[in-house]
Amino acid sequence: MTSPPLELDGSIWLRAGSQTLGGKSRIDLLTQIGLTGSISAAARAVGMSYKGAWDAIDAMNNLAGEALVLRATGGKGGGGAQLTARAEQLIATFQILEAEHRRVMEHLAQTNLDAPNDLNLMKRIMLKTSARNKLLGTVSAIRTGAVNDEVTLCIAGGHDIVATITRESTADLGLAIGSEAIALIKAPSVMIALPGEGLRLSARNQLAGTVADIRPGAVNSEIIVDIGNAVSLAAIITQDSAQALELAQGVRVVAVFDASNVILGVVA
């Protein structure tokens, strides 16, 4: 069977510095939210699950460092939503860039570019991460050890996240005071505790916030914790634990995770 000819294609991803806010699918979601005022309706319009839409909104708000979507949680079928002025500006900018991008791609398609090996390598290295929590920050401290380094990342709102990584990783990532990095934390690694004078935990990271949403599943529940400045953390805990802690929207909690569960990445 003859392989189809290699075709040049591409897509736009919006960034502010090293912050990657997303590409066309997320911009389409924002556009539909602006048109419908509903997250569930917007998700259906772009072929995205309701949970996927919430996850995308959380990620965009976190990486933008400010709210792009203001939400009012509804029932099982969804909730109301409104775009901020920053989100509307982002959509307008993207539409201009997309039109220019199409013109450039049409021009490049007329050239003799044919480098399948290089294009396949690019595809492999542009992998997405499965970590639910992605938080952009600036390195504020590096404590060097014999084998591992303790790296402190300051994220939006002045919160500090501490990661324990090898000295080799610190060097490979080019981490230094003032450099930007993204902290990746899997939701099952985040524990939920109730604040109080008697709370004593060994985990290095303890971020106070309020429960913004509870998304129950068959066995586990996803707890979204608002830690301020449009930054949220997702935790996966059992439904029994959620009930025992009497979690509900607005309840004050502490999101807890070990420094060893934090993975640091940088945008090359």
Protein backbone atom coordinates (compact mmCIF):
# COMPACT_ATOMS: atom_id res chain seq x y z
CA MET A 1 0.00 0.00 0.00
CA THR A 2 1.36 3.39 -1.00
CA SER A 3 1.75 5.85 1.88
CA PRO A 4 -0.06 9.17 1.44
CA PRO A 5 2.20 12.13 0.64
CA LEU A 6 3.54 14.13 3.55
CA GLU A 7 1.60 17.34 4.04
CA LEU A 8 2.75 20.42 5.93
CA ASP A 9 0.33 21.48 8.63
CA GLY A 10 0.49 23.42 11.88
CA SER A 11 -1.41 25.05 14.68
CA ILE A 12 -1.16 28.13 16.88
CA TRP A 13 -0.57 27.98 20.63
CA LEU A 14 -0.84 31.23 22.52
CA ARG A 15 1.89 32.09 25.01
CA ALA A 16 2.69 35.02 27.26
CA GLY A 17 6.40 34.69 27.99
CA SER A 18 6.71 31.00 28.85
CA GLN A 19 3.01 30.65 29.72
CA THR A 20 1.17 28.38 27.29
CA LEU A 21 -2.54 29.13 27.44
CA GLY A 22 -3.63 26.70 24.76
CA GLY A 23 -4.56 26.42 21.11
CA LYS A 24 -7.61 26.51 18.87
CA SER A 25 -9.73 24.03 20.86
CA ARG A 26 -9.45 26.12 24.02
CA ILE A 27 -10.04 29.38 22.16
CA ASP A 28 -13.12 27.80 20.54
CA LEU A 29 -14.33 26.85 24.01
CA LEU A 30 -13.88 30.43 25.23
CA THR A 31 -15.70 31.73 22.14
CA GLN A 32 -18.67 29.44 22.73
CA ILE A 33 -18.82 30.36 26.42
CA GLY A 34 -19.04 34.00 25.35
CA LEU A 35 -21.84 33.19 22.89
CA THR A 36 -23.90 30.86 25.09
CA GLY A 37 -23.09 31.94 28.65
CA SER A 38 -23.06 28.24 29.53
CA ILE A 39 -20.15 25.86 30.08
CA SER A 40 -22.23 22.78 29.24
CA ALA A 41 -23.56 24.33 26.01
CA ALA A 42 -20.07 25.51 25.03
CA ALA A 43 -18.64 22.04 25.69
CA ARG A 44 -21.27 20.44 23.43
CA ALA A 45 -20.62 23.00 20.69
CA VAL A 46 -16.89 22.19 20.52
CA GLY A 47 -17.28 18.43 21.01
CA MET A 48 -15.79 18.41 24.48
CA SER A 49 -17.02 16.67 27.62
CA TYR A 50 -18.42 18.80 30.41
CA LYS A 51 -15.58 17.68 32.72
CA GLY A 52 -13.04 18.35 29.97
CA ALA A 53 -14.37 21.89 29.63
CA TRP A 54 -14.05 22.53 33.37
CA ASP A 55 -10.51 21.11 33.32
CA ALA A 56 -9.57 23.36 30.38
CA ILE A 57 -10.99 26.43 32.14
CA ASP A 58 -9.07 25.62 35.34
CA ALA A 59 -5.85 25.18 33.35
CA MET A 60 -6.31 28.44 31.42
CA ASN A 61 -7.09 30.45 34.56
CA ASN A 62 -4.05 28.96 36.32
CA LEU A 63 -1.62 29.58 33.47
CA ALA A 64 -2.95 33.07 32.68
CA GLY A 65 -2.41 34.17 36.27
CA GLU A 66 -5.86 35.76 36.21
CA ALA A 67 -9.42 34.68 35.59
CA LEU A 68 -10.48 34.28 31.95
CA VAL A 69 -13.86 32.75 32.80
CA LEU A 70 -16.09 33.68 35.71
CA ARG A 71 -18.26 30.73 36.69
CA ALA A 72 -21.46 30.19 38.64
CA THR A 73 -21.84 26.49 39.37
CA GLY A 74 -25.19 25.00 38.37
CA GLY A 75 -26.69 21.56 38.75
CA LYS A 76 -25.71 18.33 37.07
CA GLY A 77 -26.35 19.81 33.62
CA GLY A 78 -23.94 22.70 33.96
CA GLY A 79 -23.64 26.28 35.16
CA GLY A 80 -23.54 29.86 33.95
CA ALA A 81 -20.32 31.47 32.81
CA GLN A 82 -19.06 34.84 31.65
CA LEU A 83 -15.85 35.84 29.88
CA THR A 84 -13.60 38.49 31.34
CA ALA A 85 -12.28 41.37 29.24
CA ARG A 86 -8.90 39.60 29.13
CA ALA A 87 -10.48 36.50 27.59
CA GLU A 88 -12.29 38.56 24.93
CA GLN A 89 -9.01 40.25 24.04
CA LEU A 90 -7.33 36.83 23.83
CA ILE A 91 -9.98 35.56 21.39
CA ALA A 92 -9.62 38.62 19.15
CA THR A 93 -5.82 38.28 19.10
CA PHE A 94 -6.03 34.58 18.28
CA GLN A 95 -8.39 35.17 15.34
CA ILE A 96 -5.98 37.68 13.82
CA LEU A 97 -3.01 35.34 14.32
CA GLU A 98 -4.90 32.36 12.92
CA ALA A 99 -5.71 34.20 9.70
CA GLU A 100 -2.05 35.20 9.29
CA HIS A 101 -0.94 31.68 10.17
CA ARG A 102 -3.08 30.21 7.37
CA ARG A 103 -1.50 32.59 4.89
CA VAL A 104 2.02 31.59 5.97
CA MET A 105 1.23 27.85 5.87
CA GLU A 106 -0.20 28.17 2.35
CA HIS A 107 3.03 29.86 1.28
CA LEU A 108 5.24 27.20 2.89
CA ALA A 109 3.22 24.44 1.26
CA GLN A 110 4.39 25.74 -2.13
CA THR A 111 8.06 25.25 -1.21
CA ASN A 112 10.04 22.02 -1.32
CA LEU A 113 9.97 21.33 2.42
CA ASP A 114 10.09 17.58 2.87
CA ALA A 115 11.71 16.48 6.12
CA PRO A 116 9.58 13.60 7.50
CA ASN A 117 12.23 12.48 9.99
CA ASP A 118 12.49 15.93 11.53
CA LEU A 119 8.71 16.40 11.58
CA ASN A 120 8.22 13.03 13.29
CA LEU A 121 10.83 13.96 15.90
CA MET A 122 9.01 17.24 16.55
CA LYS A 123 5.79 15.31 17.04
CA ARG A 124 7.40 13.02 19.64
CA ILE A 125 8.93 15.80 21.69
CA MET A 126 5.73 17.89 21.75
CA LEU A 127 4.01 15.52 24.18
CA LYS A 128 1.28 16.65 26.56
CA THR A 129 1.42 15.75 30.25
CA SER A 130 -1.22 13.75 32.09
CA ALA A 131 -0.69 15.65 35.35
CA ARG A 132 -3.96 17.33 36.36
CA ASN A 133 -2.30 20.29 38.09
CA LYS A 134 -0.04 22.56 36.05
CA LEU A 135 1.10 25.72 37.86
CA LEU A 136 3.40 28.34 36.43
CA GLY A 137 5.85 30.03 38.77
CA THR A 138 9.24 31.63 39.26
CA VAL A 139 12.14 29.96 41.04
CA SER A 140 12.67 31.87 44.27
CA ALA A 141 15.14 29.57 46.03
CA ILE A 142 17.33 26.55 45.35
CA ARG A 143 18.68 24.58 48.31
CA THR A 144 21.45 22.32 47.09
CA GLY A 145 22.02 18.89 48.61
CA ALA A 146 24.50 16.09 48.07
CA VAL A 147 22.14 14.25 45.68
CA ASN A 148 18.88 16.18 45.54
CA ASP A 149 18.00 19.85 45.36
CA GLU A 150 15.03 21.55 47.03
CA VAL A 151 13.59 24.06 44.58
CA THR A 152 11.03 26.64 45.70
CA LEU A 153 8.65 27.96 43.06
CA CYS A 154 6.60 31.10 43.70
CA ILE A 155 3.25 30.91 41.88
CA ALA A 156 0.44 33.45 41.43
CA GLY A 157 -0.85 34.87 44.68
CA GLY A 158 2.52 34.58 46.41
CA HIS A 159 2.15 30.88 47.21
CA ASP A 160 5.32 28.80 47.41
CA ILE A 161 5.58 25.26 46.06
CA VAL A 162 8.59 23.17 47.01
CA ALA A 163 9.89 20.39 44.77
CA THR A 164 12.62 17.87 45.49
CA ILE A 165 14.52 16.94 42.33
CA THR A 166 17.98 15.60 41.57
CA ARG A 167 20.89 18.00 41.16
CA GLU A 168 21.26 16.65 37.62
CA SER A 169 17.67 17.65 36.85
CA THR A 170 18.27 21.15 38.21
CA ALA A 171 21.21 21.53 35.84
CA ASP A 172 19.44 19.94 32.84
CA LEU A 173 16.44 22.25 33.24
CA GLY A 174 18.71 25.27 33.63
CA LEU A 175 16.95 26.29 36.83
CA ALA A 176 18.19 29.44 38.55
CA ILE A 177 16.75 32.14 40.76
CA GLY A 178 14.24 34.13 38.69
CA SER A 179 13.75 31.51 35.97
CA GLU A 180 10.25 30.34 35.07
CA ALA A 181 9.12 26.75 35.54
CA ILE A 182 5.89 24.77 35.64
CA ALA A 183 5.03 22.57 38.60
CA LEU A 184 3.19 19.36 37.70
CA ILE A 185 1.27 17.56 40.45
CA LYS A 186 -0.99 14.58 39.84
CA ALA A 187 -4.39 14.95 41.46
CA PRO A 188 -4.18 11.63 43.40
CA SER A 189 -1.00 12.97 45.06
CA VAL A 190 -2.90 15.89 46.59
CA MET A 191 -4.47 15.25 50.00
CA ILE A 192 -7.22 17.34 51.58
CA ALA A 193 -7.12 18.36 55.24
CA LEU A 194 -9.18 20.66 57.41
CA PRO A 195 -7.34 23.65 58.91
CA GLY A 196 -6.95 23.98 62.64
CA GLU A 197 -4.46 24.69 65.36
CA GLY A 198 -3.90 20.97 65.91
CA LEU A 199 -3.07 20.23 62.26
CA ARG A 200 0.50 18.91 62.03
CA LEU A 201 1.67 17.25 58.82
CA SER A 202 5.07 16.23 57.50
CA ALA A 203 4.25 17.15 53.89
CA ARG A 204 6.30 20.11 52.70
CA ASN A 205 3.51 21.75 50.68
CA GLN A 206 0.37 22.92 52.52
CA LEU A 207 -1.74 25.45 50.59
CA ALA A 208 -4.83 26.90 52.24
CA GLY A 209 -7.94 27.54 50.19
CA THR A 210 -11.64 26.88 49.84
CA VAL A 211 -13.55 24.13 48.08
CA ALA A 212 -14.66 25.56 44.72
CA ASP A 213 -16.27 22.43 43.32
CA ILE A 214 -16.84 18.73 44.03
CA ARG A 215 -17.11 16.38 41.05
CA PRO A 216 -18.22 12.96 42.29
CA GLY A 217 -17.37 9.74 40.48
CA ALA A 218 -18.26 6.08 41.01
CA VAL A 219 -15.73 5.64 43.84
CA ASN A 220 -13.64 8.80 44.07
CA SER A 221 -14.42 12.49 43.99
CA GLU A 222 -12.42 15.26 42.36
CA ILE A 223 -12.11 18.20 44.73
CA ILE A 224 -11.24 21.59 43.22
CA VAL A 225 -9.58 23.89 45.76
CA ASP A 226 -9.44 27.63 45.07
CA ILE A 227 -6.22 29.02 46.56
CA GLY A 228 -6.79 32.57 45.32
CA ASN A 229 -5.73 34.70 42.34
CA ALA A 230 -7.64 32.45 39.89
CA VAL A 231 -5.40 29.51 40.85
CA SER A 232 -6.90 26.15 41.70
CA LEU A 233 -5.67 22.69 42.66
CA ALA A 234 -7.42 19.40 41.90
CA ALA A 235 -7.33 16.49 44.34
CA ILE A 236 -8.69 12.96 43.92
CA ILE A 237 -9.99 11.46 47.17
CA THR A 238 -12.51 8.76 48.00
CA GLN A 239 -16.15 9.69 48.37
CA ASP A 240 -15.99 8.29 51.91
CA SER A 241 -13.21 10.75 52.72
CA ALA A 242 -15.13 13.65 51.21
CA GLN A 243 -18.16 12.77 53.33
CA ALA A 244 -16.09 12.27 56.48
CA LEU A 245 -14.55 15.72 56.03
CA GLU A 246 -18.02 17.15 55.29
CA LEU A 247 -16.69 18.87 52.20
CA ALA A 248 -18.91 21.35 50.39
CA GLN A 249 -18.44 24.46 48.32
CA GLY A 250 -16.95 27.27 50.39
CA VAL A 251 -15.47 25.01 53.09
CA ARG A 252 -11.97 26.04 54.14
CA VAL A 253 -9.42 23.31 53.49
CA VAL A 254 -5.70 22.74 53.08
CA ALA A 255 -4.32 21.08 49.94
CA VAL A 256 -1.36 18.94 50.99
CA PHE A 257 1.28 17.21 48.86
CA ASP A 258 4.89 16.07 49.30
CA ALA A 259 7.79 17.87 47.65
CA SER A 260 8.78 14.55 46.07
CA ASN A 261 5.42 14.47 44.22
CA VAL A 262 6.12 17.73 42.40
CA ILE A 263 7.62 17.47 38.91
CA LEU A 264 9.22 20.60 37.44
CA GLY A 265 9.27 21.40 33.75
CA VAL A 266 10.39 24.30 31.61
CA VAL A 267 9.31 25.55 28.20
CA ALA A 268 12.23 25.21 25.81
